[in-house]
Amino acid sequence: MNLKQSSAALLVAAALATGVASAQTVRIGNQGDALSMDPHSLNESLQLTVTGNVYEPLVARDRNLKLVPGLATSWKQTSPTVWRFELRKGVEFHDGTPFTADDVLFTFARAAGEGSDMKSYVNDVKDVRKVNSHTVDVETKGPFPILPDVLSLLYVMSKKWCEDNQATRPVDRRKGIENAASFRANGTGPFRLRERQPNVKTTFQRNGNYWGKIEGNVSTVEYTPIGNDSTRVAALLSGQVDVIEPVPLQDVARINGSGKSKVMQGPELRTIFLGMDQKRDELLYSNVKGKNPFKDKRVRQAFYQAIDIQGIQRTVMRGASAPTALMVGPGINGFDASLNTRLPYDPEASKKLLAEAGYPNGFEVAMNCPNDRYVNDGNICQAVAANLARVGVKINLQAETKGTYFPKILRRDTSFYMLGWTPGTYDSHNALNALMRCVDDSGSGQFNLGSYCNPKVDELTKQIQSETDKSKRDAMIREAFKIHSDDVGHLPLHQQALAWGVANNVSLAQLADNFMPFRYMSVK
């Protein structure tokens, strides 16, 4: 047998070993790209769903978003502040290195370190101790009954691989710092990273040595960013790609009527909102000098009541959104429908509030928005700018690709911005801790980019974290959200709906958190 024949035989054997009789490829076209392969570099759902096919957490979620064993086979509390995790034996990273407790200790330290975007997931961890090679104890600063939920998005990295490749610190997108973990990957997950071409194409290969079950039959996934809506739809309809996300709402009927593809639609847990710099004494990007208008609640409320959210739902979102008054939506633990009533759309009230605050003629401010991250994000921001113009506020809209947008706003180099948030724990504490808690170096308020701060909300957030009585906990969550709403701490807009375009011969699982696990994909 010559070398070419030998290689072919090995490929066939590898395919059979993975349970795939023939190589099945799924080609995905998404409006944006994961900004890095480093699982600790950006706490964003697109980033986490892509890297979550390669890396895994201790505690995972199934297709119904229920907690299931991941790299930990079991977990229990040994005291009110200590959780013991029994680790899965026989697991290997993609390079063949055995998975052990040392990797868990390393991961917690890396996620808490400089440059990490996952600090808010570990900011209440006091210590992580190795009991033996496959057992760890995680001690928290106080009782933390939802710790397993929190850890479901903390992906474990190989200590040895990171040390060998000078990647012990996370890639820091804010500072433009890259390392090997941005372009290469070494996880324990069901798919391996085969090739990475940022903003061009990223290819993943089924992991033939995966410890668990891969339900689908796909062997290769090609992930291509296609920012232009029309181009993305055309690629699906012509068969150049098999899956697109998101589907432009105006093209849903066209895709469903093509006979080749269908649109999968469903509710999403993500809340889209606007934030304002409430910390600086003078805004970075405004014609108001010597003071910060957003420190005045009347100005924040004026902005809120100037936004015609029903008009945005009707014309921009084509009905595929649910206007909201809260920073979390239905499906998130602690959501209270009785609080979910928006202030009325009232431009005249807005003008009056601005005049009372000392801005009878309005003012000028820059607004930062992505144009390839959320459903119709750029168009939403244009609509908001038009609404605000009617009350005398001139918006200098700066819409850009998420590749430059996120590093900018995460540096807090903004005065007024858009963000979308899905609580990774499916619990209100996550949104309170990351978006509404006062900012400090531990990771609290890590995505509170406008630095809203109310000590009472902070106090309640800490109590919510440790409270085990559900009725008491829900009452605390309600109180915290009420305070934040009364403060007009942010400007909530809506929960967007999911819309994925899928070729008729492809099946997959659409999760309400907008994650797209490759392990559930099959080609008929």
Protein backbone atom coordinates (compact mmCIF):
# COMPACT_ATOMS: atom_id res chain seq x y z
CA MET A 1 0.00 0.00 0.00
CA ASN A 2 1.50 3.34 -1.00
CA LEU A 3 1.42 6.50 1.13
CA LYS A 4 -1.64 7.95 -0.63
CA GLN A 5 -3.60 4.70 -0.20
CA SER A 6 -2.55 4.50 3.44
CA SER A 7 -3.77 8.06 4.11
CA ALA A 8 -7.10 7.31 2.44
CA ALA A 9 -7.54 4.18 4.54
CA LEU A 10 -6.84 6.15 7.71
CA LEU A 11 -9.45 8.77 6.78
CA VAL A 12 -12.09 6.07 6.20
CA ALA A 13 -11.20 4.42 9.49
CA ALA A 14 -11.45 7.77 11.30
CA ALA A 15 -14.88 8.43 9.81
CA LEU A 16 -16.14 5.00 10.83
CA ALA A 17 -14.68 5.41 14.31
CA THR A 18 -16.83 8.49 14.85
CA GLY A 19 -19.97 6.70 13.72
CA VAL A 20 -20.21 8.71 10.49
CA ALA A 21 -20.33 6.55 7.39
CA SER A 22 -19.78 9.49 5.05
CA ALA A 23 -18.44 12.95 5.71
CA GLN A 24 -21.38 15.27 6.40
CA THR A 25 -20.67 19.01 6.25
CA VAL A 26 -22.85 21.86 7.45
CA ARG A 27 -22.02 25.37 6.27
CA ILE A 28 -23.21 28.20 8.53
CA GLY A 29 -23.49 31.84 7.45
CA ASN A 30 -23.80 34.26 10.38
CA GLN A 31 -24.01 38.05 10.28
CA GLY A 32 -20.93 38.23 12.53
CA ASP A 33 -17.88 36.26 13.58
CA ALA A 34 -16.61 35.11 16.94
CA LEU A 35 -13.95 37.68 17.77
CA SER A 36 -11.56 35.13 19.25
CA MET A 37 -11.22 31.43 19.99
CA ASP A 38 -10.24 32.31 23.57
CA PRO A 39 -13.24 31.27 25.72
CA HIS A 40 -12.46 33.88 28.38
CA SER A 41 -11.93 36.85 26.07
CA LEU A 42 -15.50 38.01 25.43
CA ASN A 43 -18.67 37.34 27.41
CA GLU A 44 -20.97 37.42 24.40
CA SER A 45 -23.37 34.68 23.37
CA LEU A 46 -22.13 34.37 19.77
CA GLN A 47 -18.58 34.02 21.06
CA LEU A 48 -19.64 31.51 23.72
CA THR A 49 -21.79 29.39 21.42
CA VAL A 50 -18.94 29.06 18.91
CA THR A 51 -16.22 28.29 21.46
CA GLY A 52 -18.67 26.12 23.43
CA ASN A 53 -18.41 23.49 20.69
CA VAL A 54 -14.68 23.17 21.40
CA TYR A 55 -14.49 23.85 25.14
CA GLU A 56 -16.71 22.61 27.96
CA PRO A 57 -17.81 23.69 31.46
CA LEU A 58 -17.96 21.63 34.63
CA VAL A 59 -21.74 21.86 34.57
CA ALA A 60 -23.40 21.83 31.15
CA ARG A 61 -26.90 22.34 29.74
CA ASP A 62 -28.93 20.03 27.56
CA ARG A 63 -31.14 20.97 24.62
CA ASN A 64 -33.86 21.99 27.10
CA LEU A 65 -31.40 24.26 28.96
CA LYS A 66 -31.49 22.01 32.02
CA LEU A 67 -28.31 21.54 34.06
CA VAL A 68 -26.54 18.25 33.32
CA PRO A 69 -23.09 16.84 34.14
CA GLY A 70 -20.31 18.18 31.96
CA LEU A 71 -16.67 17.85 32.94
CA ALA A 72 -17.98 17.28 36.46
CA THR A 73 -20.01 14.12 36.97
CA SER A 74 -21.59 15.38 40.19
CA TRP A 75 -21.58 18.31 42.60
CA LYS A 76 -22.82 18.94 46.11
CA GLN A 77 -22.51 21.43 48.92
CA THR A 78 -20.30 20.27 51.79
CA SER A 79 -21.00 23.49 53.72
CA PRO A 80 -23.02 26.66 53.02
CA THR A 81 -20.01 28.18 51.23
CA VAL A 82 -18.22 25.13 49.76
CA TRP A 83 -19.19 23.12 46.69
CA ARG A 84 -17.44 19.85 45.86
CA PHE A 85 -17.17 18.83 42.20
CA GLU A 86 -16.28 15.27 41.21
CA LEU A 87 -14.50 15.46 37.86
CA ARG A 88 -14.98 13.14 34.92
CA LYS A 89 -12.17 10.61 34.52
CA GLY A 90 -10.70 9.46 31.24
CA VAL A 91 -11.29 12.79 29.46
CA GLU A 92 -8.57 14.15 27.18
CA PHE A 93 -8.01 17.54 25.65
CA HIS A 94 -7.79 17.56 21.87
CA ASP A 95 -3.98 17.29 22.02
CA GLY A 96 -4.21 14.12 24.12
CA THR A 97 -3.39 15.73 27.48
CA PRO A 98 -5.48 14.22 30.32
CA PHE A 99 -8.04 16.49 31.99
CA THR A 100 -7.43 16.85 35.76
CA ALA A 101 -8.17 19.09 38.73
CA ASP A 102 -5.12 21.21 37.87
CA ASP A 103 -6.91 22.42 34.73
CA VAL A 104 -9.92 23.48 36.79
CA LEU A 105 -7.81 25.46 39.26
CA PHE A 106 -5.97 27.08 36.36
CA THR A 107 -9.23 27.98 34.58
CA PHE A 108 -10.73 29.70 37.61
CA ALA A 109 -7.56 31.74 38.10
CA ARG A 110 -7.36 32.65 34.40
CA ALA A 111 -11.03 33.72 34.28
CA ALA A 112 -10.49 35.96 37.31
CA GLY A 113 -7.30 37.49 35.92
CA GLU A 114 -6.31 40.54 33.96
CA GLY A 115 -7.97 40.85 30.57
CA SER A 116 -10.70 38.30 31.30
CA ASP A 117 -14.22 39.11 30.21
CA MET A 118 -15.60 36.33 32.45
CA LYS A 119 -14.74 37.90 35.81
CA SER A 120 -18.38 38.34 36.77
CA TYR A 121 -18.77 34.54 36.73
CA VAL A 122 -16.09 34.04 39.38
CA ASN A 123 -16.05 37.33 41.29
CA ASP A 124 -17.72 35.74 44.31
CA VAL A 125 -15.38 32.73 44.44
CA LYS A 126 -13.01 32.93 47.40
CA ASP A 127 -10.84 29.89 46.71
CA VAL A 128 -10.59 26.75 44.57
CA ARG A 129 -8.82 23.79 46.14
CA LYS A 130 -7.62 20.49 44.73
CA VAL A 131 -8.82 17.57 46.86
CA ASN A 132 -7.29 14.95 44.58
CA SER A 133 -6.59 14.55 40.86
CA HIS A 134 -10.32 14.48 40.01
CA THR A 135 -12.01 16.35 42.86
CA VAL A 136 -12.09 20.09 43.57
CA ASP A 137 -13.70 22.25 46.24
CA VAL A 138 -14.95 25.71 45.28
CA GLU A 139 -15.34 28.06 48.22
CA THR A 140 -17.49 31.16 47.77
CA LYS A 141 -17.39 34.42 49.72
CA GLY A 142 -20.89 33.72 51.01
CA PRO A 143 -23.64 31.15 50.45
CA PHE A 144 -24.13 30.81 46.69
CA PRO A 145 -26.91 28.31 45.87
CA ILE A 146 -26.84 29.01 42.10
CA LEU A 147 -23.09 28.44 41.63
CA PRO A 148 -23.60 25.42 39.31
CA ASP A 149 -25.80 27.60 37.05
CA VAL A 150 -23.14 30.31 37.00
CA LEU A 151 -20.39 27.87 36.04
CA SER A 152 -22.28 26.58 33.00
CA LEU A 153 -20.55 29.18 30.82
CA LEU A 154 -17.07 28.94 32.35
CA TYR A 155 -15.17 26.82 29.84
CA VAL A 156 -12.22 24.78 31.07
CA MET A 157 -8.82 25.21 29.41
CA SER A 158 -5.71 23.04 29.52
CA LYS A 159 -3.13 24.38 31.97
CA LYS A 160 -0.28 22.68 30.11
CA TRP A 161 -1.38 23.91 26.67
CA CYS A 162 -1.77 27.50 27.86
CA GLU A 163 1.64 27.44 29.54
CA ASP A 164 3.31 25.84 26.51
CA ASN A 165 1.72 28.41 24.18
CA GLN A 166 2.16 31.54 26.30
CA ALA A 167 -1.61 31.89 26.69
CA THR A 168 -1.93 31.87 30.47
CA ARG A 169 -3.67 35.26 30.32
CA PRO A 170 -6.85 35.80 28.32
CA VAL A 171 -6.86 37.66 25.05
CA ASP A 172 -7.79 41.26 25.94
CA ARG A 173 -10.05 42.66 23.22
CA ARG A 174 -10.19 46.05 24.92
CA LYS A 175 -6.46 46.57 24.51
CA GLY A 176 -6.04 44.70 21.24
CA ILE A 177 -3.83 42.09 22.92
CA GLU A 178 -3.81 38.70 21.18
CA ASN A 179 -2.12 35.38 21.91
CA ALA A 180 -2.18 31.79 20.66
CA ALA A 181 -5.59 31.13 22.25
CA SER A 182 -7.22 33.60 19.88
CA PHE A 183 -6.31 31.65 16.75
CA ARG A 184 -5.90 28.09 18.04
CA ALA A 185 -7.88 26.02 20.51
CA ASN A 186 -7.45 22.93 22.66
CA GLY A 187 -10.61 21.94 24.47
CA THR A 188 -12.33 18.71 25.49
CA GLY A 189 -15.49 19.35 23.46
CA PRO A 190 -17.29 17.42 20.71
CA PHE A 191 -15.62 19.44 17.93
CA ARG A 192 -12.02 20.45 17.29
CA LEU A 193 -10.87 23.68 15.69
CA ARG A 194 -9.32 22.73 12.34
CA GLU A 195 -8.71 26.09 10.71
CA ARG A 196 -9.23 29.68 11.80
CA GLN A 197 -9.42 32.57 9.32
CA PRO A 198 -10.87 35.52 11.28
CA ASN A 199 -13.75 37.24 9.47
CA VAL A 200 -13.37 34.79 6.55
CA LYS A 201 -14.07 31.21 7.60
CA THR A 202 -13.55 28.96 10.61
CA THR A 203 -13.68 25.19 10.21
CA PHE A 204 -14.47 22.66 12.93
CA GLN A 205 -13.99 18.88 12.82
CA ARG A 206 -15.86 16.25 14.81
CA ASN A 207 -13.83 14.96 17.77
CA GLY A 208 -13.49 11.19 17.28
CA ASN A 209 -12.20 10.78 20.84
CA TYR A 210 -15.02 12.67 22.53
CA TRP A 211 -15.96 11.23 25.93
CA GLY A 212 -19.70 11.82 25.47
CA LYS A 213 -22.42 11.26 22.91
CA ILE A 214 -22.68 13.38 19.76
CA GLU A 215 -26.31 13.09 18.69
CA GLY A 216 -25.92 14.46 15.17
CA ASN A 217 -24.06 13.00 12.20
CA VAL A 218 -22.13 16.07 11.11
CA SER A 219 -18.38 15.63 10.73
CA THR A 220 -17.39 19.13 9.57
CA VAL A 221 -18.81 22.57 10.25
CA GLU A 222 -17.75 25.55 8.16
CA TYR A 223 -18.61 28.86 9.81
CA THR A 224 -18.56 31.93 7.56
CA PRO A 225 -19.45 35.51 8.54
CA ILE A 226 -21.75 37.13 5.94
CA GLY A 227 -22.60 40.61 7.15
CA ASN A 228 -24.84 41.72 4.28
CA ASP A 229 -28.43 40.58 4.79
CA SER A 230 -29.22 40.12 1.09
CA THR A 231 -26.01 38.20 0.46
CA ARG A 232 -26.67 35.93 3.43
CA VAL A 233 -30.18 35.09 2.22
CA ALA A 234 -28.98 34.55 -1.35
CA ALA A 235 -26.28 32.16 -0.07
CA LEU A 236 -28.95 30.06 1.66
CA LEU A 237 -31.35 30.01 -1.25
CA SER A 238 -28.60 29.14 -3.75
CA GLY A 239 -27.29 26.30 -1.57
CA GLN A 240 -23.91 27.93 -0.84
CA VAL A 241 -24.65 27.63 2.89
CA ASP A 242 -27.03 25.37 4.83
CA VAL A 243 -27.85 27.57 7.82
CA ILE A 244 -28.06 31.36 8.26
CA GLU A 245 -28.54 33.42 11.39
CA PRO A 246 -30.31 35.75 11.71
CA VAL A 247 -32.88 35.79 8.91
CA PRO A 248 -33.81 39.38 7.96
CA LEU A 249 -37.43 39.66 9.03
CA GLN A 250 -38.52 40.90 5.62
CA ASP A 251 -37.24 37.66 4.04
CA VAL A 252 -39.03 35.12 6.24
CA ALA A 253 -41.89 34.48 3.80
CA ARG A 254 -39.51 34.31 0.84
CA ILE A 255 -37.38 31.61 2.48
CA ASN A 256 -40.39 29.62 3.65
CA GLY A 257 -41.81 29.73 0.14
CA SER A 258 -38.59 28.67 -1.59
CA GLY A 259 -39.20 24.93 -1.26
CA LYS A 260 -35.51 24.54 -0.37
CA SER A 261 -35.30 26.07 3.08
CA LYS A 262 -37.39 26.97 6.10
CA VAL A 263 -37.23 29.56 8.85
CA MET A 264 -37.04 28.37 12.46
CA GLN A 265 -38.55 31.02 14.73
CA GLY A 266 -38.94 31.15 18.47
CA PRO A 267 -38.66 33.41 21.51
CA GLU A 268 -35.22 34.49 22.68
CA LEU A 269 -34.21 35.21 26.26
CA ARG A 270 -32.07 38.20 25.24
CA THR A 271 -33.08 41.74 26.25
CA ILE A 272 -31.95 44.65 24.06
CA PHE A 273 -31.38 47.91 25.93
CA LEU A 274 -29.60 51.27 25.83
CA GLY A 275 -27.10 52.46 28.42
CA MET A 276 -25.83 55.91 29.34
CA ASP A 277 -22.61 57.16 30.93
CA GLN A 278 -23.72 58.23 34.40
CA LYS A 279 -20.26 58.48 35.96
CA ARG A 280 -18.12 61.07 34.16
CA ASP A 281 -18.54 64.70 35.15
CA GLU A 282 -18.50 65.55 31.45
CA LEU A 283 -19.56 63.22 28.65
CA LEU A 284 -16.85 62.20 26.20
CA TYR A 285 -19.02 62.78 23.14
CA SER A 286 -21.49 65.62 23.64
CA ASN A 287 -21.77 69.36 23.05
CA VAL A 288 -22.66 69.82 26.73
CA LYS A 289 -19.52 70.98 28.50
CA GLY A 290 -18.76 71.04 32.20
CA LYS A 291 -21.51 68.62 33.22
CA ASN A 292 -23.09 65.28 32.37
CA PRO A 293 -26.79 65.40 31.40
CA PHE A 294 -27.21 61.67 32.04
CA LYS A 295 -26.54 62.14 35.76
CA ASP A 296 -29.98 63.76 35.89
CA LYS A 297 -32.83 61.24 36.10
CA ARG A 298 -35.09 63.68 34.26
CA VAL A 299 -32.87 63.47 31.18
CA ARG A 300 -32.77 59.67 31.30
CA GLN A 301 -36.54 59.57 31.62
CA ALA A 302 -36.92 62.06 28.78
CA PHE A 303 -34.93 59.74 26.52
CA TYR A 304 -37.04 56.76 27.64
CA GLN A 305 -40.36 58.48 26.93
CA ALA A 306 -39.18 59.82 23.58
CA ILE A 307 -38.68 56.29 22.21
CA ASP A 308 -41.66 54.96 20.26
CA ILE A 309 -41.13 51.30 21.09
CA GLN A 310 -44.42 50.23 19.52
CA GLY A 311 -43.39 51.94 16.30
CA ILE A 312 -40.05 50.11 16.39
CA GLN A 313 -41.85 46.82 17.01
CA ARG A 314 -44.21 47.45 14.10
CA THR A 315 -41.92 48.90 11.43
CA VAL A 316 -38.35 47.87 12.29
CA MET A 317 -38.96 44.49 13.92
CA ARG A 318 -42.05 43.59 11.85
CA GLY A 319 -43.76 42.35 14.97
CA ALA A 320 -40.92 40.00 15.94
CA SER A 321 -40.15 41.61 19.30
CA ALA A 322 -41.72 41.98 22.74
CA PRO A 323 -41.34 45.51 24.19
CA THR A 324 -40.10 45.38 27.76
CA ALA A 325 -39.74 47.55 30.85
CA LEU A 326 -37.29 45.22 32.56
CA MET A 327 -33.71 44.11 31.98
CA VAL A 328 -34.80 40.45 31.89
CA GLY A 329 -37.68 38.81 30.09
CA PRO A 330 -40.09 35.90 30.50
CA GLY A 331 -38.24 32.62 31.00
CA ILE A 332 -35.66 34.16 33.34
CA ASN A 333 -36.01 33.15 37.00
CA GLY A 334 -37.28 36.16 38.98
CA PHE A 335 -39.05 37.87 36.07
CA ASP A 336 -42.13 39.65 37.44
CA ALA A 337 -44.80 40.44 34.84
CA SER A 338 -46.43 42.98 37.16
CA LEU A 339 -43.34 45.22 36.84
CA ASN A 340 -43.14 44.86 33.08
CA THR A 341 -45.04 48.03 32.21
CA ARG A 342 -43.15 50.68 30.27
CA LEU A 343 -43.38 54.40 30.88
CA PRO A 344 -45.71 55.82 28.21
CA TYR A 345 -44.35 57.06 24.90
CA ASP A 346 -44.86 60.82 25.30
CA PRO A 347 -42.66 63.27 23.32
CA GLU A 348 -44.30 66.28 24.99
CA ALA A 349 -43.47 64.91 28.45
CA SER A 350 -39.92 64.35 27.21
CA LYS A 351 -39.57 67.96 26.10
CA LYS A 352 -40.90 69.14 29.46
CA LEU A 353 -38.44 66.94 31.38
CA LEU A 354 -35.52 68.18 29.27
CA ALA A 355 -36.53 71.79 29.89
CA GLU A 356 -36.82 71.17 33.64
CA ALA A 357 -33.34 69.65 33.59
CA GLY A 358 -31.94 72.75 31.89
CA TYR A 359 -31.99 71.64 28.26
CA PRO A 360 -35.01 73.41 26.72
CA ASN A 361 -33.40 73.13 23.27
CA GLY A 362 -32.09 69.63 23.80
CA PHE A 363 -28.43 68.78 23.26
CA GLU A 364 -26.11 66.71 21.09
CA VAL A 365 -24.62 63.32 21.97
CA ALA A 366 -22.97 60.43 20.12
CA MET A 367 -24.63 57.02 20.15
CA ASN A 368 -22.65 53.81 19.62
CA CYS A 369 -24.36 50.83 18.01
CA PRO A 370 -23.36 47.56 16.36
CA ASN A 371 -24.75 46.88 12.90
CA ASP A 372 -24.11 43.12 12.73
CA ARG A 373 -24.83 41.69 16.18
CA TYR A 374 -28.52 41.89 17.08
CA VAL A 375 -31.64 41.64 14.94
CA ASN A 376 -31.94 44.92 12.98
CA ASP A 377 -29.61 46.62 15.47
CA GLY A 378 -28.50 49.44 13.16
CA ASN A 379 -32.09 50.16 12.09
CA ILE A 380 -33.25 50.23 15.71
CA CYS A 381 -30.63 52.83 16.52
CA GLN A 382 -31.65 54.91 13.51
CA ALA A 383 -35.24 54.82 14.72
CA VAL A 384 -34.21 55.85 18.25
CA ALA A 385 -32.16 58.71 16.81
CA ALA A 386 -35.18 59.89 14.79
CA ASN A 387 -37.40 59.68 17.90
CA LEU A 388 -34.95 61.73 19.95
CA ALA A 389 -34.62 64.33 17.19
CA ARG A 390 -38.32 65.09 17.64
CA VAL A 391 -37.66 66.24 21.21
CA GLY A 392 -34.60 68.30 20.30
CA VAL A 393 -31.81 65.78 20.97
CA LYS A 394 -29.36 65.45 18.09
CA ILE A 395 -27.86 61.95 17.94
CA ASN A 396 -24.57 61.46 16.16
CA LEU A 397 -25.03 57.80 15.32
CA GLN A 398 -21.89 55.69 15.08
CA ALA A 399 -22.87 52.22 13.86
CA GLU A 400 -20.06 49.75 13.18
CA THR A 401 -19.17 46.08 12.99
CA LYS A 402 -19.09 44.27 16.30
CA GLY A 403 -15.40 43.52 15.79
CA THR A 404 -14.58 47.17 16.55
CA TYR A 405 -17.77 48.02 18.45
CA PHE A 406 -17.35 45.70 21.44
CA PRO A 407 -13.72 46.58 22.21
CA LYS A 408 -14.71 50.26 22.14
CA ILE A 409 -17.69 50.10 24.49
CA LEU A 410 -16.03 47.55 26.78
CA ARG A 411 -13.30 50.17 27.32
CA ARG A 412 -16.20 52.45 28.34
CA ASP A 413 -15.20 54.74 25.47
CA THR A 414 -18.82 55.74 24.96
CA SER A 415 -21.53 58.11 26.17
CA PHE A 416 -24.64 56.30 24.91
CA TYR A 417 -24.71 52.71 23.64
CA MET A 418 -26.75 49.62 22.76
CA LEU A 419 -26.25 46.21 24.34
CA GLY A 420 -28.12 42.90 24.37
CA TRP A 421 -28.02 40.51 27.34
CA THR A 422 -29.07 36.93 27.95
CA PRO A 423 -28.45 35.89 31.57
CA GLY A 424 -26.12 32.92 31.22
CA THR A 425 -27.58 31.39 34.39
CA TYR A 426 -31.20 32.01 33.27
CA ASP A 427 -31.55 33.79 36.61
CA SER A 428 -32.11 37.49 37.41
CA HIS A 429 -29.07 37.57 39.68
CA ASN A 430 -26.86 37.36 36.58
CA ALA A 431 -28.29 40.56 35.08
CA LEU A 432 -28.22 42.37 38.41
CA ASN A 433 -24.61 41.35 39.09
CA ALA A 434 -23.26 42.09 35.61
CA LEU A 435 -25.39 45.02 34.41
CA MET A 436 -26.78 46.89 37.43
CA ARG A 437 -24.37 46.39 40.29
CA CYS A 438 -21.90 49.18 41.11
CA VAL A 439 -18.62 48.66 39.28
CA ASP A 440 -15.58 47.39 41.17
CA ASP A 441 -12.35 45.56 40.40
CA SER A 442 -13.73 42.13 41.41
CA GLY A 443 -15.91 41.89 38.31
CA SER A 444 -19.14 43.21 39.82
CA GLY A 445 -20.91 45.40 37.30
CA GLN A 446 -18.44 44.28 34.63
CA PHE A 447 -20.94 45.11 31.85
CA ASN A 448 -22.51 48.07 33.63
CA LEU A 449 -20.76 50.20 31.01
CA GLY A 450 -22.48 53.43 32.00
CA SER A 451 -21.63 52.89 35.69
CA TYR A 452 -25.17 53.13 37.06
CA CYS A 453 -24.86 52.76 40.83
CA ASN A 454 -27.38 52.47 43.65
CA PRO A 455 -26.03 51.00 46.91
CA LYS A 456 -29.43 49.52 47.74
CA VAL A 457 -29.42 47.51 44.48
CA ASP A 458 -25.90 46.31 45.39
CA GLU A 459 -27.03 45.23 48.83
CA LEU A 460 -30.03 43.37 47.43
CA THR A 461 -27.93 41.67 44.75
CA LYS A 462 -25.63 40.24 47.41
CA GLN A 463 -28.60 39.03 49.44
CA ILE A 464 -30.25 37.49 46.36
CA GLN A 465 -27.06 35.55 45.70
CA SER A 466 -27.17 33.74 49.04
CA GLU A 467 -30.92 33.52 49.75
CA THR A 468 -32.31 29.98 49.47
CA ASP A 469 -35.97 30.74 50.28
CA LYS A 470 -37.60 31.25 46.85
CA SER A 471 -40.38 33.59 47.99
CA LYS A 472 -37.94 35.82 49.89
CA ARG A 473 -35.51 35.75 46.99
CA ASP A 474 -38.20 36.67 44.44
CA ALA A 475 -39.28 39.57 46.66
CA MET A 476 -35.69 40.85 46.75
CA ILE A 477 -35.37 40.56 42.98
CA ARG A 478 -38.61 42.48 42.57
CA GLU A 479 -37.40 45.23 44.91
CA ALA A 480 -34.05 45.54 43.09
CA PHE A 481 -35.72 45.78 39.68
CA LYS A 482 -38.23 48.33 41.01
CA ILE A 483 -35.43 50.55 42.30
CA HIS A 484 -33.55 50.28 39.01
CA SER A 485 -36.70 51.08 37.01
CA ASP A 486 -37.53 54.06 39.23
CA ASP A 487 -33.96 55.32 38.75
CA VAL A 488 -34.24 54.83 34.97
CA GLY A 489 -30.86 53.15 35.28
CA HIS A 490 -31.01 51.88 31.67
CA LEU A 491 -33.45 52.15 28.77
CA PRO A 492 -34.86 48.64 28.13
CA LEU A 493 -36.24 48.18 24.61
CA HIS A 494 -37.41 44.64 23.83
CA GLN A 495 -36.74 40.93 23.68
CA GLN A 496 -35.99 40.01 20.07
CA ALA A 497 -37.19 36.80 18.42
CA LEU A 498 -34.95 34.13 16.96
CA ALA A 499 -35.06 33.55 13.20
CA TRP A 500 -32.73 30.97 11.65
CA GLY A 501 -32.80 29.90 8.01
CA VAL A 502 -32.18 26.16 7.58
CA ALA A 503 -31.93 24.01 4.45
CA ASN A 504 -34.60 21.31 4.31
CA ASN A 505 -32.04 18.49 4.56
CA VAL A 506 -30.52 19.84 7.79
CA SER A 507 -31.89 19.41 11.32
CA LEU A 508 -30.63 21.17 14.43
CA ALA A 509 -31.75 22.38 17.86
CA GLN A 510 -32.82 26.00 18.32
CA LEU A 511 -32.23 27.02 21.93
CA ALA A 512 -33.86 30.07 23.53
CA ASP A 513 -30.45 31.43 24.53
CA ASN A 514 -29.50 31.61 20.80
CA PHE A 515 -26.83 28.95 21.18
CA MET A 516 -26.34 26.62 18.21
CA PRO A 517 -24.56 23.41 19.37
CA PHE A 518 -22.98 21.51 16.49
CA ARG A 519 -23.49 18.21 18.34
CA TYR A 520 -27.22 18.29 17.58
CA MET A 521 -26.82 18.91 13.82
CA SER A 522 -27.63 16.26 11.24
CA VAL A 523 -27.70 16.13 7.45
CA LYS A 524 -30.36 13.86 5.92
